[in-house]
Amino acid sequence: MYLRSLEKLLNLKIRLLLPGHGPAIHDPYEKIKEYLDHRRMREQEVLRFLREGCDALSSIAAGIYAEVPAPLRSAGQLSVEAHLIKLIREGRVYKKEERYFVKDD
């Protein structure tokens, strides 16, 4: 849903983004594309960890956010969970109990 919302923004005539924190963004299309690229890259990381046998939400997040201080990792875990939910809805990943698996291509 987040990615679709960002993609929809690319079709609007936008001159300025005013984020909830930080300065105004005067090149909105470049920033939106940056957000999209980052989310897609993160999704690929989630899939890579799953393919390597890392099947628990907490361990995927710990691997991806290894450089992030432990108190901040809970936000990263929520992000990983959102990616897993998206991948499940797309039929690319499935969940069995508390473990996640990539569906065979």
PDB file of N, CA and C in Angstrom:
ATOM      1  N   MET A   1       0.824  -1.178   0.000  1.00  0.00           N
ATOM      2  CA  MET A   1       0.000   0.000   0.000  1.00  0.00           C
ATOM      3  C   MET A   1       0.884   1.264   0.000  1.00  0.00           C
ATOM      4  N   TYR A   2       1.933   1.248   0.808  1.00  0.00           N
ATOM      5  CA  TYR A   2       2.855   2.382   0.867  1.00  0.00           C
ATOM      6  C   TYR A   2       3.499   2.605  -0.496  1.00  0.00           C
ATOM      7  N   LEU A   3       3.953   1.517  -1.127  1.00  0.00           N
ATOM      8  CA  LEU A   3       4.590   1.653  -2.434  1.00  0.00           C
ATOM      9  C   LEU A   3       3.602   2.170  -3.473  1.00  0.00           C
ATOM     10  N   ARG A   4       2.386   1.657  -3.431  1.00  0.00           N
ATOM     11  CA  ARG A   4       1.368   2.145  -4.376  1.00  0.00           C
ATOM     12  C   ARG A   4       1.083   3.621  -4.168  1.00  0.00           C
ATOM     13  N   SER A   5       1.052   4.050  -2.920  1.00  0.00           N
ATOM     14  CA  SER A   5       0.825   5.468  -2.627  1.00  0.00           C
ATOM     15  C   SER A   5       1.953   6.323  -3.190  1.00  0.00           C
ATOM     16  N   LEU A   6       3.183   5.851  -3.017  1.00  0.00           N
ATOM     17  CA  LEU A   6       4.316   6.596  -3.578  1.00  0.00           C
ATOM     18  C   LEU A   6       4.244   6.642  -5.102  1.00  0.00           C
ATOM     19  N   GLU A   7       3.900   5.518  -5.721  1.00  0.00           N
ATOM     20  CA  GLU A   7       3.795   5.474  -7.180  1.00  0.00           C
ATOM     21  C   GLU A   7       2.706   6.421  -7.685  1.00  0.00           C
ATOM     22  N   LYS A   8       1.606   6.529  -6.957  1.00  0.00           N
ATOM     23  CA  LYS A   8       0.537   7.457  -7.335  1.00  0.00           C
ATOM     24  C   LYS A   8       1.022   8.904  -7.282  1.00  0.00           C
ATOM     25  N   LEU A   9       1.873   9.205  -6.300  1.00  0.00           N
ATOM     26  CA  LEU A   9       2.399  10.566  -6.192  1.00  0.00           C
ATOM     27  C   LEU A   9       3.206  10.969  -7.425  1.00  0.00           C
ATOM     28  N   LEU A  10       3.845   9.990  -8.052  1.00  0.00           N
ATOM     29  CA  LEU A  10       4.644  10.292  -9.247  1.00  0.00           C
ATOM     30  C   LEU A  10       3.784  10.808 -10.399  1.00  0.00           C
ATOM     31  N   ASN A  11       2.480  10.507 -10.373  1.00  0.00           N
ATOM     32  CA  ASN A  11       1.575  10.938 -11.434  1.00  0.00           C
ATOM     33  C   ASN A  11       0.914  12.288 -11.156  1.00  0.00           C
ATOM     34  N   LEU A  12       1.199  12.855 -10.001  1.00  0.00           N
ATOM     35  CA  LEU A  12       0.617  14.146  -9.648  1.00  0.00           C
ATOM     36  C   LEU A  12       1.602  15.268  -9.962  1.00  0.00           C
ATOM     37  N   LYS A  13       1.070  16.453 -10.111  1.00  0.00           N
ATOM     38  CA  LYS A  13       1.920  17.624 -10.315  1.00  0.00           C
ATOM     39  C   LYS A  13       2.287  18.173  -8.940  1.00  0.00           C
ATOM     40  N   ILE A  14       3.488  17.835  -8.503  1.00  0.00           N
ATOM     41  CA  ILE A  14       3.941  18.217  -7.166  1.00  0.00           C
ATOM     42  C   ILE A  14       5.169  19.103  -7.319  1.00  0.00           C
ATOM     43  N   ARG A  15       5.196  20.179  -6.587  1.00  0.00           N
ATOM     44  CA  ARG A  15       6.367  21.067  -6.608  1.00  0.00           C
ATOM     45  C   ARG A  15       7.185  20.968  -5.336  1.00  0.00           C
ATOM     46  N   LEU A  16       6.548  20.501  -4.269  1.00  0.00           N
ATOM     47  CA  LEU A  16       7.192  20.557  -2.970  1.00  0.00           C
ATOM     48  C   LEU A  16       6.625  19.472  -2.068  1.00  0.00           C
ATOM     49  N   LEU A  17       7.500  18.826  -1.299  1.00  0.00           N
ATOM     50  CA  LEU A  17       7.064  17.897  -0.259  1.00  0.00           C
ATOM     51  C   LEU A  17       7.399  18.526   1.086  1.00  0.00           C
ATOM     52  N   LEU A  18       6.469  18.452   1.999  1.00  0.00           N
ATOM     53  CA  LEU A  18       6.680  18.973   3.347  1.00  0.00           C
ATOM     54  C   LEU A  18       6.572  17.801   4.326  1.00  0.00           C
ATOM     55  N   PRO A  19       7.707  17.156   4.608  1.00  0.00           N
ATOM     56  CA  PRO A  19       7.675  15.988   5.495  1.00  0.00           C
ATOM     57  C   PRO A  19       7.350  16.372   6.935  1.00  0.00           C
ATOM     58  N   GLY A  20       7.016  15.380   7.726  1.00  0.00           N
ATOM     59  CA  GLY A  20       6.690  15.605   9.133  1.00  0.00           C
ATOM     60  C   GLY A  20       7.881  16.069   9.945  1.00  0.00           C
ATOM     61  N   HIS A  21       9.075  15.805   9.449  1.00  0.00           N
ATOM     62  CA  HIS A  21      10.302  16.295  10.092  1.00  0.00           C
ATOM     63  C   HIS A  21      11.327  16.545   8.996  1.00  0.00           C
ATOM     64  N   GLY A  22      12.230  17.426   9.262  1.00  0.00           N
ATOM     65  CA  GLY A  22      13.250  17.770   8.269  1.00  0.00           C
ATOM     66  C   GLY A  22      12.799  18.907   7.376  1.00  0.00           C
ATOM     67  N   PRO A  23      13.697  19.346   6.505  1.00  0.00           N
ATOM     68  CA  PRO A  23      13.400  20.486   5.645  1.00  0.00           C
ATOM     69  C   PRO A  23      12.452  20.128   4.498  1.00  0.00           C
ATOM     70  N   ALA A  24      11.911  21.157   3.885  1.00  0.00           N
ATOM     71  CA  ALA A  24      11.069  20.982   2.697  1.00  0.00           C
ATOM     72  C   ALA A  24      11.905  20.329   1.595  1.00  0.00           C
ATOM     73  N   ILE A  25      11.252  19.533   0.779  1.00  0.00           N
ATOM     74  CA  ILE A  25      11.923  18.831  -0.316  1.00  0.00           C
ATOM     75  C   ILE A  25      11.483  19.491  -1.616  1.00  0.00           C
ATOM     76  N   HIS A  26      12.443  20.108  -2.294  1.00  0.00           N
ATOM     77  CA  HIS A  26      12.136  20.883  -3.491  1.00  0.00           C
ATOM     78  C   HIS A  26      12.231  20.069  -4.774  1.00  0.00           C
ATOM     79  N   ASP A  27      12.710  18.846  -4.694  1.00  0.00           N
ATOM     80  CA  ASP A  27      12.741  17.946  -5.850  1.00  0.00           C
ATOM     81  C   ASP A  27      11.942  16.696  -5.474  1.00  0.00           C
ATOM     82  N   PRO A  28      10.608  16.839  -5.445  1.00  0.00           N
ATOM     83  CA  PRO A  28       9.782  15.760  -4.899  1.00  0.00           C
ATOM     84  C   PRO A  28       9.879  14.452  -5.672  1.00  0.00           C
ATOM     85  N   TYR A  29       9.995  14.505  -6.990  1.00  0.00           N
ATOM     86  CA  TYR A  29      10.015  13.272  -7.774  1.00  0.00           C
ATOM     87  C   TYR A  29      11.282  12.470  -7.500  1.00  0.00           C
ATOM     88  N   GLU A  30      12.394  13.153  -7.360  1.00  0.00           N
ATOM     89  CA  GLU A  30      13.654  12.477  -7.041  1.00  0.00           C
ATOM     90  C   GLU A  30      13.556  11.807  -5.665  1.00  0.00           C
ATOM     91  N   LYS A  31      12.994  12.488  -4.700  1.00  0.00           N
ATOM     92  CA  LYS A  31      12.856  11.936  -3.342  1.00  0.00           C
ATOM     93  C   LYS A  31      11.896  10.752  -3.336  1.00  0.00           C
ATOM     94  N   ILE A  32      10.788  10.852  -4.050  1.00  0.00           N
ATOM     95  CA  ILE A  32       9.830   9.744  -4.115  1.00  0.00           C
ATOM     96  C   ILE A  32      10.492   8.527  -4.752  1.00  0.00           C
ATOM     97  N   LYS A  33      11.239   8.742  -5.825  1.00  0.00           N
ATOM     98  CA  LYS A  33      11.953   7.626  -6.462  1.00  0.00           C
ATOM     99  C   LYS A  33      12.992   7.031  -5.515  1.00  0.00           C
ATOM    100  N   GLU A  34      13.630   7.870  -4.733  1.00  0.00           N
ATOM    101  CA  GLU A  34      14.588   7.396  -3.728  1.00  0.00           C
ATOM    102  C   GLU A  34      13.889   6.508  -2.697  1.00  0.00           C
ATOM    103  N   TYR A  35      12.719   6.935  -2.227  1.00  0.00           N
ATOM    104  CA  TYR A  35      11.948   6.129  -1.284  1.00  0.00           C
ATOM    105  C   TYR A  35      11.565   4.776  -1.899  1.00  0.00           C
ATOM    106  N   LEU A  36      11.093   4.810  -3.152  1.00  0.00           N
ATOM    107  CA  LEU A  36      10.716   3.570  -3.840  1.00  0.00           C
ATOM    108  C   LEU A  36      11.916   2.646  -3.997  1.00  0.00           C
ATOM    109  N   ASP A  37      13.030   3.182  -4.435  1.00  0.00           N
ATOM    110  CA  ASP A  37      14.244   2.366  -4.603  1.00  0.00           C
ATOM    111  C   ASP A  37      14.676   1.746  -3.282  1.00  0.00           C
ATOM    112  N   HIS A  38      14.608   2.532  -2.216  1.00  0.00           N
ATOM    113  CA  HIS A  38      15.022   2.033  -0.902  1.00  0.00           C
ATOM    114  C   HIS A  38      14.113   0.891  -0.435  1.00  0.00           C
ATOM    115  N   ARG A  39      12.819   1.047  -0.593  1.00  0.00           N
ATOM    116  CA  ARG A  39      11.873  -0.008  -0.188  1.00  0.00           C
ATOM    117  C   ARG A  39      12.096  -1.277  -1.012  1.00  0.00           C
ATOM    118  N   ARG A  40      12.325  -1.120  -2.320  1.00  0.00           N
ATOM    119  CA  ARG A  40      12.567  -2.289  -3.175  1.00  0.00           C
ATOM    120  C   ARG A  40      13.867  -2.992  -2.791  1.00  0.00           C
ATOM    121  N   MET A  41      14.889  -2.209  -2.467  1.00  0.00           N
ATOM    122  CA  MET A  41      16.156  -2.778  -2.028  1.00  0.00           C
ATOM    123  C   MET A  41      15.962  -3.537  -0.718  1.00  0.00           C
ATOM    124  N   ARG A  42      15.212  -2.969   0.204  1.00  0.00           N
ATOM    125  CA  ARG A  42      14.966  -3.621   1.484  1.00  0.00           C
ATOM    126  C   ARG A  42      14.191  -4.918   1.278  1.00  0.00           C
ATOM    127  N   GLU A  43      13.223  -4.908   0.367  1.00  0.00           N
ATOM    128  CA  GLU A  43      12.467  -6.124   0.066  1.00  0.00           C
ATOM    129  C   GLU A  43      13.398  -7.219  -0.443  1.00  0.00           C
ATOM    130  N   GLN A  44      14.334  -6.857  -1.300  1.00  0.00           N
ATOM    131  CA  GLN A  44      15.293  -7.839  -1.804  1.00  0.00           C
ATOM    132  C   GLN A  44      16.159  -8.401  -0.673  1.00  0.00           C
ATOM    133  N   GLU A  45      16.499  -7.557   0.281  1.00  0.00           N
ATOM    134  CA  GLU A  45      17.256  -8.035   1.437  1.00  0.00           C
ATOM    135  C   GLU A  45      16.443  -9.044   2.242  1.00  0.00           C
ATOM    136  N   VAL A  46      15.176  -8.764   2.454  1.00  0.00           N
ATOM    137  CA  VAL A  46      14.309  -9.685   3.181  1.00  0.00           C
ATOM    138  C   VAL A  46      14.267 -11.024   2.458  1.00  0.00           C
ATOM    139  N   LEU A  47      14.075 -10.987   1.150  1.00  0.00           N
ATOM    140  CA  LEU A  47      14.029 -12.225   0.360  1.00  0.00           C
ATOM    141  C   LEU A  47      15.360 -12.969   0.423  1.00  0.00           C
ATOM    142  N   ARG A  48      16.455 -12.252   0.388  1.00  0.00           N
ATOM    143  CA  ARG A  48      17.779 -12.885   0.451  1.00  0.00           C
ATOM    144  C   ARG A  48      17.939 -13.617   1.781  1.00  0.00           C
ATOM    145  N   PHE A  49      17.578 -12.967   2.888  1.00  0.00           N
ATOM    146  CA  PHE A  49      17.681 -13.613   4.189  1.00  0.00           C
ATOM    147  C   PHE A  49      16.805 -14.862   4.246  1.00  0.00           C
ATOM    148  N   LEU A  50      15.602 -14.783   3.697  1.00  0.00           N
ATOM    149  CA  LEU A  50      14.720 -15.953   3.676  1.00  0.00           C
ATOM    150  C   LEU A  50      15.341 -17.083   2.870  1.00  0.00           C
ATOM    151  N   ARG A  51      15.888 -16.766   1.712  1.00  0.00           N
ATOM    152  CA  ARG A  51      16.506 -17.801   0.864  1.00  0.00           C
ATOM    153  C   ARG A  51      17.726 -18.422   1.524  1.00  0.00           C
ATOM    154  N   GLU A  52      18.372 -17.663   2.385  1.00  0.00           N
ATOM    155  CA  GLU A  52      19.548 -18.172   3.098  1.00  0.00           C
ATOM    156  C   GLU A  52      19.163 -18.962   4.350  1.00  0.00           C
ATOM    157  N   GLY A  53      17.858 -19.152   4.563  1.00  0.00           N
ATOM    158  CA  GLY A  53      17.397 -19.972   5.677  1.00  0.00           C
ATOM    159  C   GLY A  53      17.050 -19.222   6.942  1.00  0.00           C
ATOM    160  N   CYS A  54      17.118 -17.928   6.897  1.00  0.00           N
ATOM    161  CA  CYS A  54      16.747 -17.107   8.048  1.00  0.00           C
ATOM    162  C   CYS A  54      15.229 -16.936   7.980  1.00  0.00           C
ATOM    163  N   ASP A  55      14.494 -17.616   8.874  1.00  0.00           N
ATOM    164  CA  ASP A  55      13.040 -17.681   8.699  1.00  0.00           C
ATOM    165  C   ASP A  55      12.218 -17.023   9.803  1.00  0.00           C
ATOM    166  N   ALA A  56      12.870 -16.411  10.779  1.00  0.00           N
ATOM    167  CA  ALA A  56      12.150 -15.742  11.869  1.00  0.00           C
ATOM    168  C   ALA A  56      12.225 -14.233  11.694  1.00  0.00           C
ATOM    169  N   LEU A  57      11.132 -13.574  11.950  1.00  0.00           N
ATOM    170  CA  LEU A  57      11.059 -12.120  11.820  1.00  0.00           C
ATOM    171  C   LEU A  57      12.206 -11.438  12.567  1.00  0.00           C
ATOM    172  N   SER A  58      12.415 -11.814  13.807  1.00  0.00           N
ATOM    173  CA  SER A  58      13.441 -11.152  14.617  1.00  0.00           C
ATOM    174  C   SER A  58      14.840 -11.362  14.062  1.00  0.00           C
ATOM    175  N   SER A  59      15.116 -12.537  13.530  1.00  0.00           N
ATOM    176  CA  SER A  59      16.461 -12.785  13.005  1.00  0.00           C
ATOM    177  C   SER A  59      16.681 -12.086  11.665  1.00  0.00           C
ATOM    178  N   ILE A  60      15.642 -11.976  10.856  1.00  0.00           N
ATOM    179  CA  ILE A  60      15.764 -11.225   9.597  1.00  0.00           C
ATOM    180  C   ILE A  60      16.055  -9.764   9.920  1.00  0.00           C
ATOM    181  N   ALA A  61      15.272  -9.210  10.835  1.00  0.00           N
ATOM    182  CA  ALA A  61      15.467  -7.801  11.220  1.00  0.00           C
ATOM    183  C   ALA A  61      16.848  -7.588  11.840  1.00  0.00           C
ATOM    184  N   ALA A  62      17.289  -8.519  12.673  1.00  0.00           N
ATOM    185  CA  ALA A  62      18.605  -8.387  13.295  1.00  0.00           C
ATOM    186  C   ALA A  62      19.705  -8.411  12.240  1.00  0.00           C
ATOM    187  N   GLY A  63      19.534  -9.225  11.218  1.00  0.00           N
ATOM    188  CA  GLY A  63      20.522  -9.284  10.142  1.00  0.00           C
ATOM    189  C   GLY A  63      20.540  -8.027   9.302  1.00  0.00           C
ATOM    190  N   ILE A  64      19.386  -7.544   8.949  1.00  0.00           N
ATOM    191  CA  ILE A  64      19.299  -6.346   8.109  1.00  0.00           C
ATOM    192  C   ILE A  64      19.742  -5.111   8.874  1.00  0.00           C
ATOM    193  N   TYR A  65      19.357  -5.029  10.123  1.00  0.00           N
ATOM    194  CA  TYR A  65      19.638  -3.844  10.923  1.00  0.00           C
ATOM    195  C   TYR A  65      20.751  -4.092  11.947  1.00  0.00           C
ATOM    196  N   ALA A  66      21.722  -4.916  11.579  1.00  0.00           N
ATOM    197  CA  ALA A  66      22.819  -5.269  12.493  1.00  0.00           C
ATOM    198  C   ALA A  66      23.596  -4.040  12.967  1.00  0.00           C
ATOM    199  N   GLU A  67      23.695  -3.023  12.135  1.00  0.00           N
ATOM    200  CA  GLU A  67      24.467  -1.826  12.479  1.00  0.00           C
ATOM    201  C   GLU A  67      23.655  -0.801  13.275  1.00  0.00           C
ATOM    202  N   VAL A  68      22.381  -1.059  13.432  1.00  0.00           N
ATOM    203  CA  VAL A  68      21.500  -0.129  14.152  1.00  0.00           C
ATOM    204  C   VAL A  68      21.551  -0.459  15.642  1.00  0.00           C
ATOM    205  N   PRO A  69      21.652   0.530  16.506  1.00  0.00           N
ATOM    206  CA  PRO A  69      21.655   0.257  17.946  1.00  0.00           C
ATOM    207  C   PRO A  69      20.422  -0.547  18.369  1.00  0.00           C
ATOM    208  N   ALA A  70      20.612  -1.499  19.244  1.00  0.00           N
ATOM    209  CA  ALA A  70      19.550  -2.417  19.678  1.00  0.00           C
ATOM    210  C   ALA A  70      18.243  -1.720  20.056  1.00  0.00           C
ATOM    211  N   PRO A  71      18.271  -0.595  20.796  1.00  0.00           N
ATOM    212  CA  PRO A  71      16.997   0.035  21.164  1.00  0.00           C
ATOM    213  C   PRO A  71      16.176   0.521  19.959  1.00  0.00           C
ATOM    214  N   LEU A  72      16.823   0.716  18.819  1.00  0.00           N
ATOM    215  CA  LEU A  72      16.118   1.208  17.638  1.00  0.00           C
ATOM    216  C   LEU A  72      15.686   0.085  16.691  1.00  0.00           C
ATOM    217  N   ARG A  73      16.115  -1.122  16.970  1.00  0.00           N
ATOM    218  CA  ARG A  73      15.820  -2.238  16.070  1.00  0.00           C
ATOM    219  C   ARG A  73      14.344  -2.601  16.016  1.00  0.00           C
ATOM    220  N   SER A  74      13.579  -2.252  17.035  1.00  0.00           N
ATOM    221  CA  SER A  74      12.156  -2.600  17.010  1.00  0.00           C
ATOM    222  C   SER A  74      11.456  -1.919  15.834  1.00  0.00           C
ATOM    223  N   ALA A  75      11.869  -0.710  15.492  1.00  0.00           N
ATOM    224  CA  ALA A  75      11.294  -0.032  14.323  1.00  0.00           C
ATOM    225  C   ALA A  75      11.671  -0.791  13.052  1.00  0.00           C
ATOM    226  N   GLY A  76      12.901  -1.267  12.990  1.00  0.00           N
ATOM    227  CA  GLY A  76      13.337  -2.066  11.852  1.00  0.00           C
ATOM    228  C   GLY A  76      12.551  -3.357  11.744  1.00  0.00           C
ATOM    229  N   GLN A  77      12.248  -3.953  12.879  1.00  0.00           N
ATOM    230  CA  GLN A  77      11.471  -5.193  12.873  1.00  0.00           C
ATOM    231  C   GLN A  77      10.072  -4.942  12.321  1.00  0.00           C
ATOM    232  N   LEU A  78       9.486  -3.805  12.654  1.00  0.00           N
ATOM    233  CA  LEU A  78       8.170  -3.464  12.099  1.00  0.00           C
ATOM    234  C   LEU A  78       8.233  -3.291  10.594  1.00  0.00           C
ATOM    235  N   SER A  79       9.315  -2.704  10.117  1.00  0.00           N
ATOM    236  CA  SER A  79       9.496  -2.534   8.676  1.00  0.00           C
ATOM    237  C   SER A  79       9.625  -3.888   7.977  1.00  0.00           C
ATOM    238  N   VAL A  80      10.410  -4.786   8.551  1.00  0.00           N
ATOM    239  CA  VAL A  80      10.568  -6.133   7.984  1.00  0.00           C
ATOM    240  C   VAL A  80       9.228  -6.854   7.981  1.00  0.00           C
ATOM    241  N   GLU A  81       8.480  -6.718   9.057  1.00  0.00           N
ATOM    242  CA  GLU A  81       7.169  -7.360   9.125  1.00  0.00           C
ATOM    243  C   GLU A  81       6.245  -6.828   8.024  1.00  0.00           C
ATOM    244  N   ALA A  82       6.287  -5.533   7.771  1.00  0.00           N
ATOM    245  CA  ALA A  82       5.467  -4.954   6.693  1.00  0.00           C
ATOM    246  C   ALA A  82       5.866  -5.545   5.346  1.00  0.00           C
ATOM    247  N   HIS A  83       7.160  -5.727   5.122  1.00  0.00           N
ATOM    248  CA  HIS A  83       7.619  -6.354   3.874  1.00  0.00           C
ATOM    249  C   HIS A  83       7.115  -7.793   3.773  1.00  0.00           C
ATOM    250  N   LEU A  84       7.199  -8.520   4.874  1.00  0.00           N
ATOM    251  CA  LEU A  84       6.731  -9.912   4.855  1.00  0.00           C
ATOM    252  C   LEU A  84       5.230  -9.993   4.580  1.00  0.00           C
ATOM    253  N   ILE A  85       4.455  -9.109   5.168  1.00  0.00           N
ATOM    254  CA  ILE A  85       3.010  -9.084   4.919  1.00  0.00           C
ATOM    255  C   ILE A  85       2.744  -8.816   3.441  1.00  0.00           C
ATOM    256  N   LYS A  86       3.457  -7.854   2.868  1.00  0.00           N
ATOM    257  CA  LYS A  86       3.300  -7.544   1.441  1.00  0.00           C
ATOM    258  C   LYS A  86       3.645  -8.758   0.587  1.00  0.00           C
ATOM    259  N   LEU A  87       4.770  -9.403   0.894  1.00  0.00           N
ATOM    260  CA  LEU A  87       5.213 -10.560   0.115  1.00  0.00           C
ATOM    261  C   LEU A  87       4.246 -11.734   0.248  1.00  0.00           C
ATOM    262  N   ILE A  88       3.633 -11.895   1.415  1.00  0.00           N
ATOM    263  CA  ILE A  88       2.616 -12.940   1.594  1.00  0.00           C
ATOM    264  C   ILE A  88       1.400 -12.623   0.729  1.00  0.00           C
ATOM    265  N   ARG A  89       0.956 -11.369   0.759  1.00  0.00           N
ATOM    266  CA  ARG A  89      -0.215 -10.969  -0.049  1.00  0.00           C
ATOM    267  C   ARG A  89       0.031 -11.157  -1.535  1.00  0.00           C
ATOM    268  N   GLU A  90       1.266 -10.991  -1.951  1.00  0.00           N
ATOM    269  CA  GLU A  90       1.623 -11.185  -3.363  1.00  0.00           C
ATOM    270  C   GLU A  90       1.815 -12.666  -3.711  1.00  0.00           C
ATOM    271  N   GLY A  91       1.784 -13.533  -2.714  1.00  0.00           N
ATOM    272  CA  GLY A  91       1.953 -14.960  -2.950  1.00  0.00           C
ATOM    273  C   GLY A  91       3.407 -15.375  -3.138  1.00  0.00           C
ATOM    274  N   ARG A  92       4.341 -14.539  -2.737  1.00  0.00           N
ATOM    275  CA  ARG A  92       5.759 -14.839  -2.918  1.00  0.00           C
ATOM    276  C   ARG A  92       6.378 -15.466  -1.674  1.00  0.00           C
ATOM    277  N   VAL A  93       5.734 -15.302  -0.542  1.00  0.00           N
ATOM    278  CA  VAL A  93       6.216 -15.816   0.741  1.00  0.00           C
ATOM    279  C   VAL A  93       5.015 -16.418   1.455  1.00  0.00           C
ATOM    280  N   TYR A  94       5.271 -17.429   2.283  1.00  0.00           N
ATOM    281  CA  TYR A  94       4.199 -17.954   3.136  1.00  0.00           C
ATOM    282  C   TYR A  94       4.716 -18.088   4.560  1.00  0.00           C
ATOM    283  N   LYS A  95       3.768 -18.133   5.474  1.00  0.00           N
ATOM    284  CA  LYS A  95       4.092 -18.208   6.895  1.00  0.00           C
ATOM    285  C   LYS A  95       3.528 -19.505   7.452  1.00  0.00           C
ATOM    286  N   LYS A  96       4.358 -20.209   8.199  1.00  0.00           N
ATOM    287  CA  LYS A  96       3.919 -21.420   8.887  1.00  0.00           C
ATOM    288  C   LYS A  96       4.308 -21.248  10.342  1.00  0.00           C
ATOM    289  N   GLU A  97       3.287 -21.141  11.176  1.00  0.00           N
ATOM    290  CA  GLU A  97       3.471 -20.801  12.584  1.00  0.00           C
ATOM    291  C   GLU A  97       4.191 -19.455  12.653  1.00  0.00           C
ATOM    292  N   GLU A  98       5.356 -19.382  13.227  1.00  0.00           N
ATOM    293  CA  GLU A  98       6.071 -18.096  13.306  1.00  0.00           C
ATOM    294  C   GLU A  98       7.269 -18.047  12.369  1.00  0.00           C
ATOM    295  N   ARG A  99       7.270 -18.908  11.366  1.00  0.00           N
ATOM    296  CA  ARG A  99       8.386 -18.969  10.417  1.00  0.00           C
ATOM    297  C   ARG A  99       7.910 -18.559   9.031  1.00  0.00           C
ATOM    298  N   TYR A 100       8.812 -17.946   8.276  1.00  0.00           N
ATOM    299  CA  TYR A 100       8.502 -17.454   6.932  1.00  0.00           C
ATOM    300  C   TYR A 100       9.349 -18.189   5.919  1.00  0.00           C
ATOM    301  N   PHE A 101       8.762 -18.413   4.738  1.00  0.00           N
ATOM    302  CA  PHE A 101       9.448 -19.161   3.680  1.00  0.00           C
ATOM    303  C   PHE A 101       9.135 -18.537   2.321  1.00  0.00           C
ATOM    304  N   VAL A 102      10.110 -18.574   1.434  1.00  0.00           N
ATOM    305  CA  VAL A 102       9.898 -18.125   0.060  1.00  0.00           C
ATOM    306  C   VAL A 102       9.217 -19.259  -0.678  1.00  0.00           C
ATOM    307  N   LYS A 103       8.175 -18.933  -1.433  1.00  0.00           N
ATOM    308  CA  LYS A 103       7.526 -19.945  -2.258  1.00  0.00           C
ATOM    309  C   LYS A 103       8.439 -20.282  -3.415  1.00  0.00           C
ATOM    310  N   ASP A 104       8.408 -21.524  -3.818  1.00  0.00           N
ATOM    311  CA  ASP A 104       9.222 -21.953  -4.956  1.00  0.00           C
ATOM    312  C   ASP A 104       8.799 -21.195  -6.207  1.00  0.00           C
ATOM    313  N   ASP A 105       9.806 -20.754  -6.954  1.00  0.00           N
ATOM    314  CA  ASP A 105       9.528 -19.998  -8.196  1.00  0.00           C
ATOM    315  C   ASP A 105       9.028 -20.907  -9.294  1.00  0.00           C
TER     316      ASP A 105
END
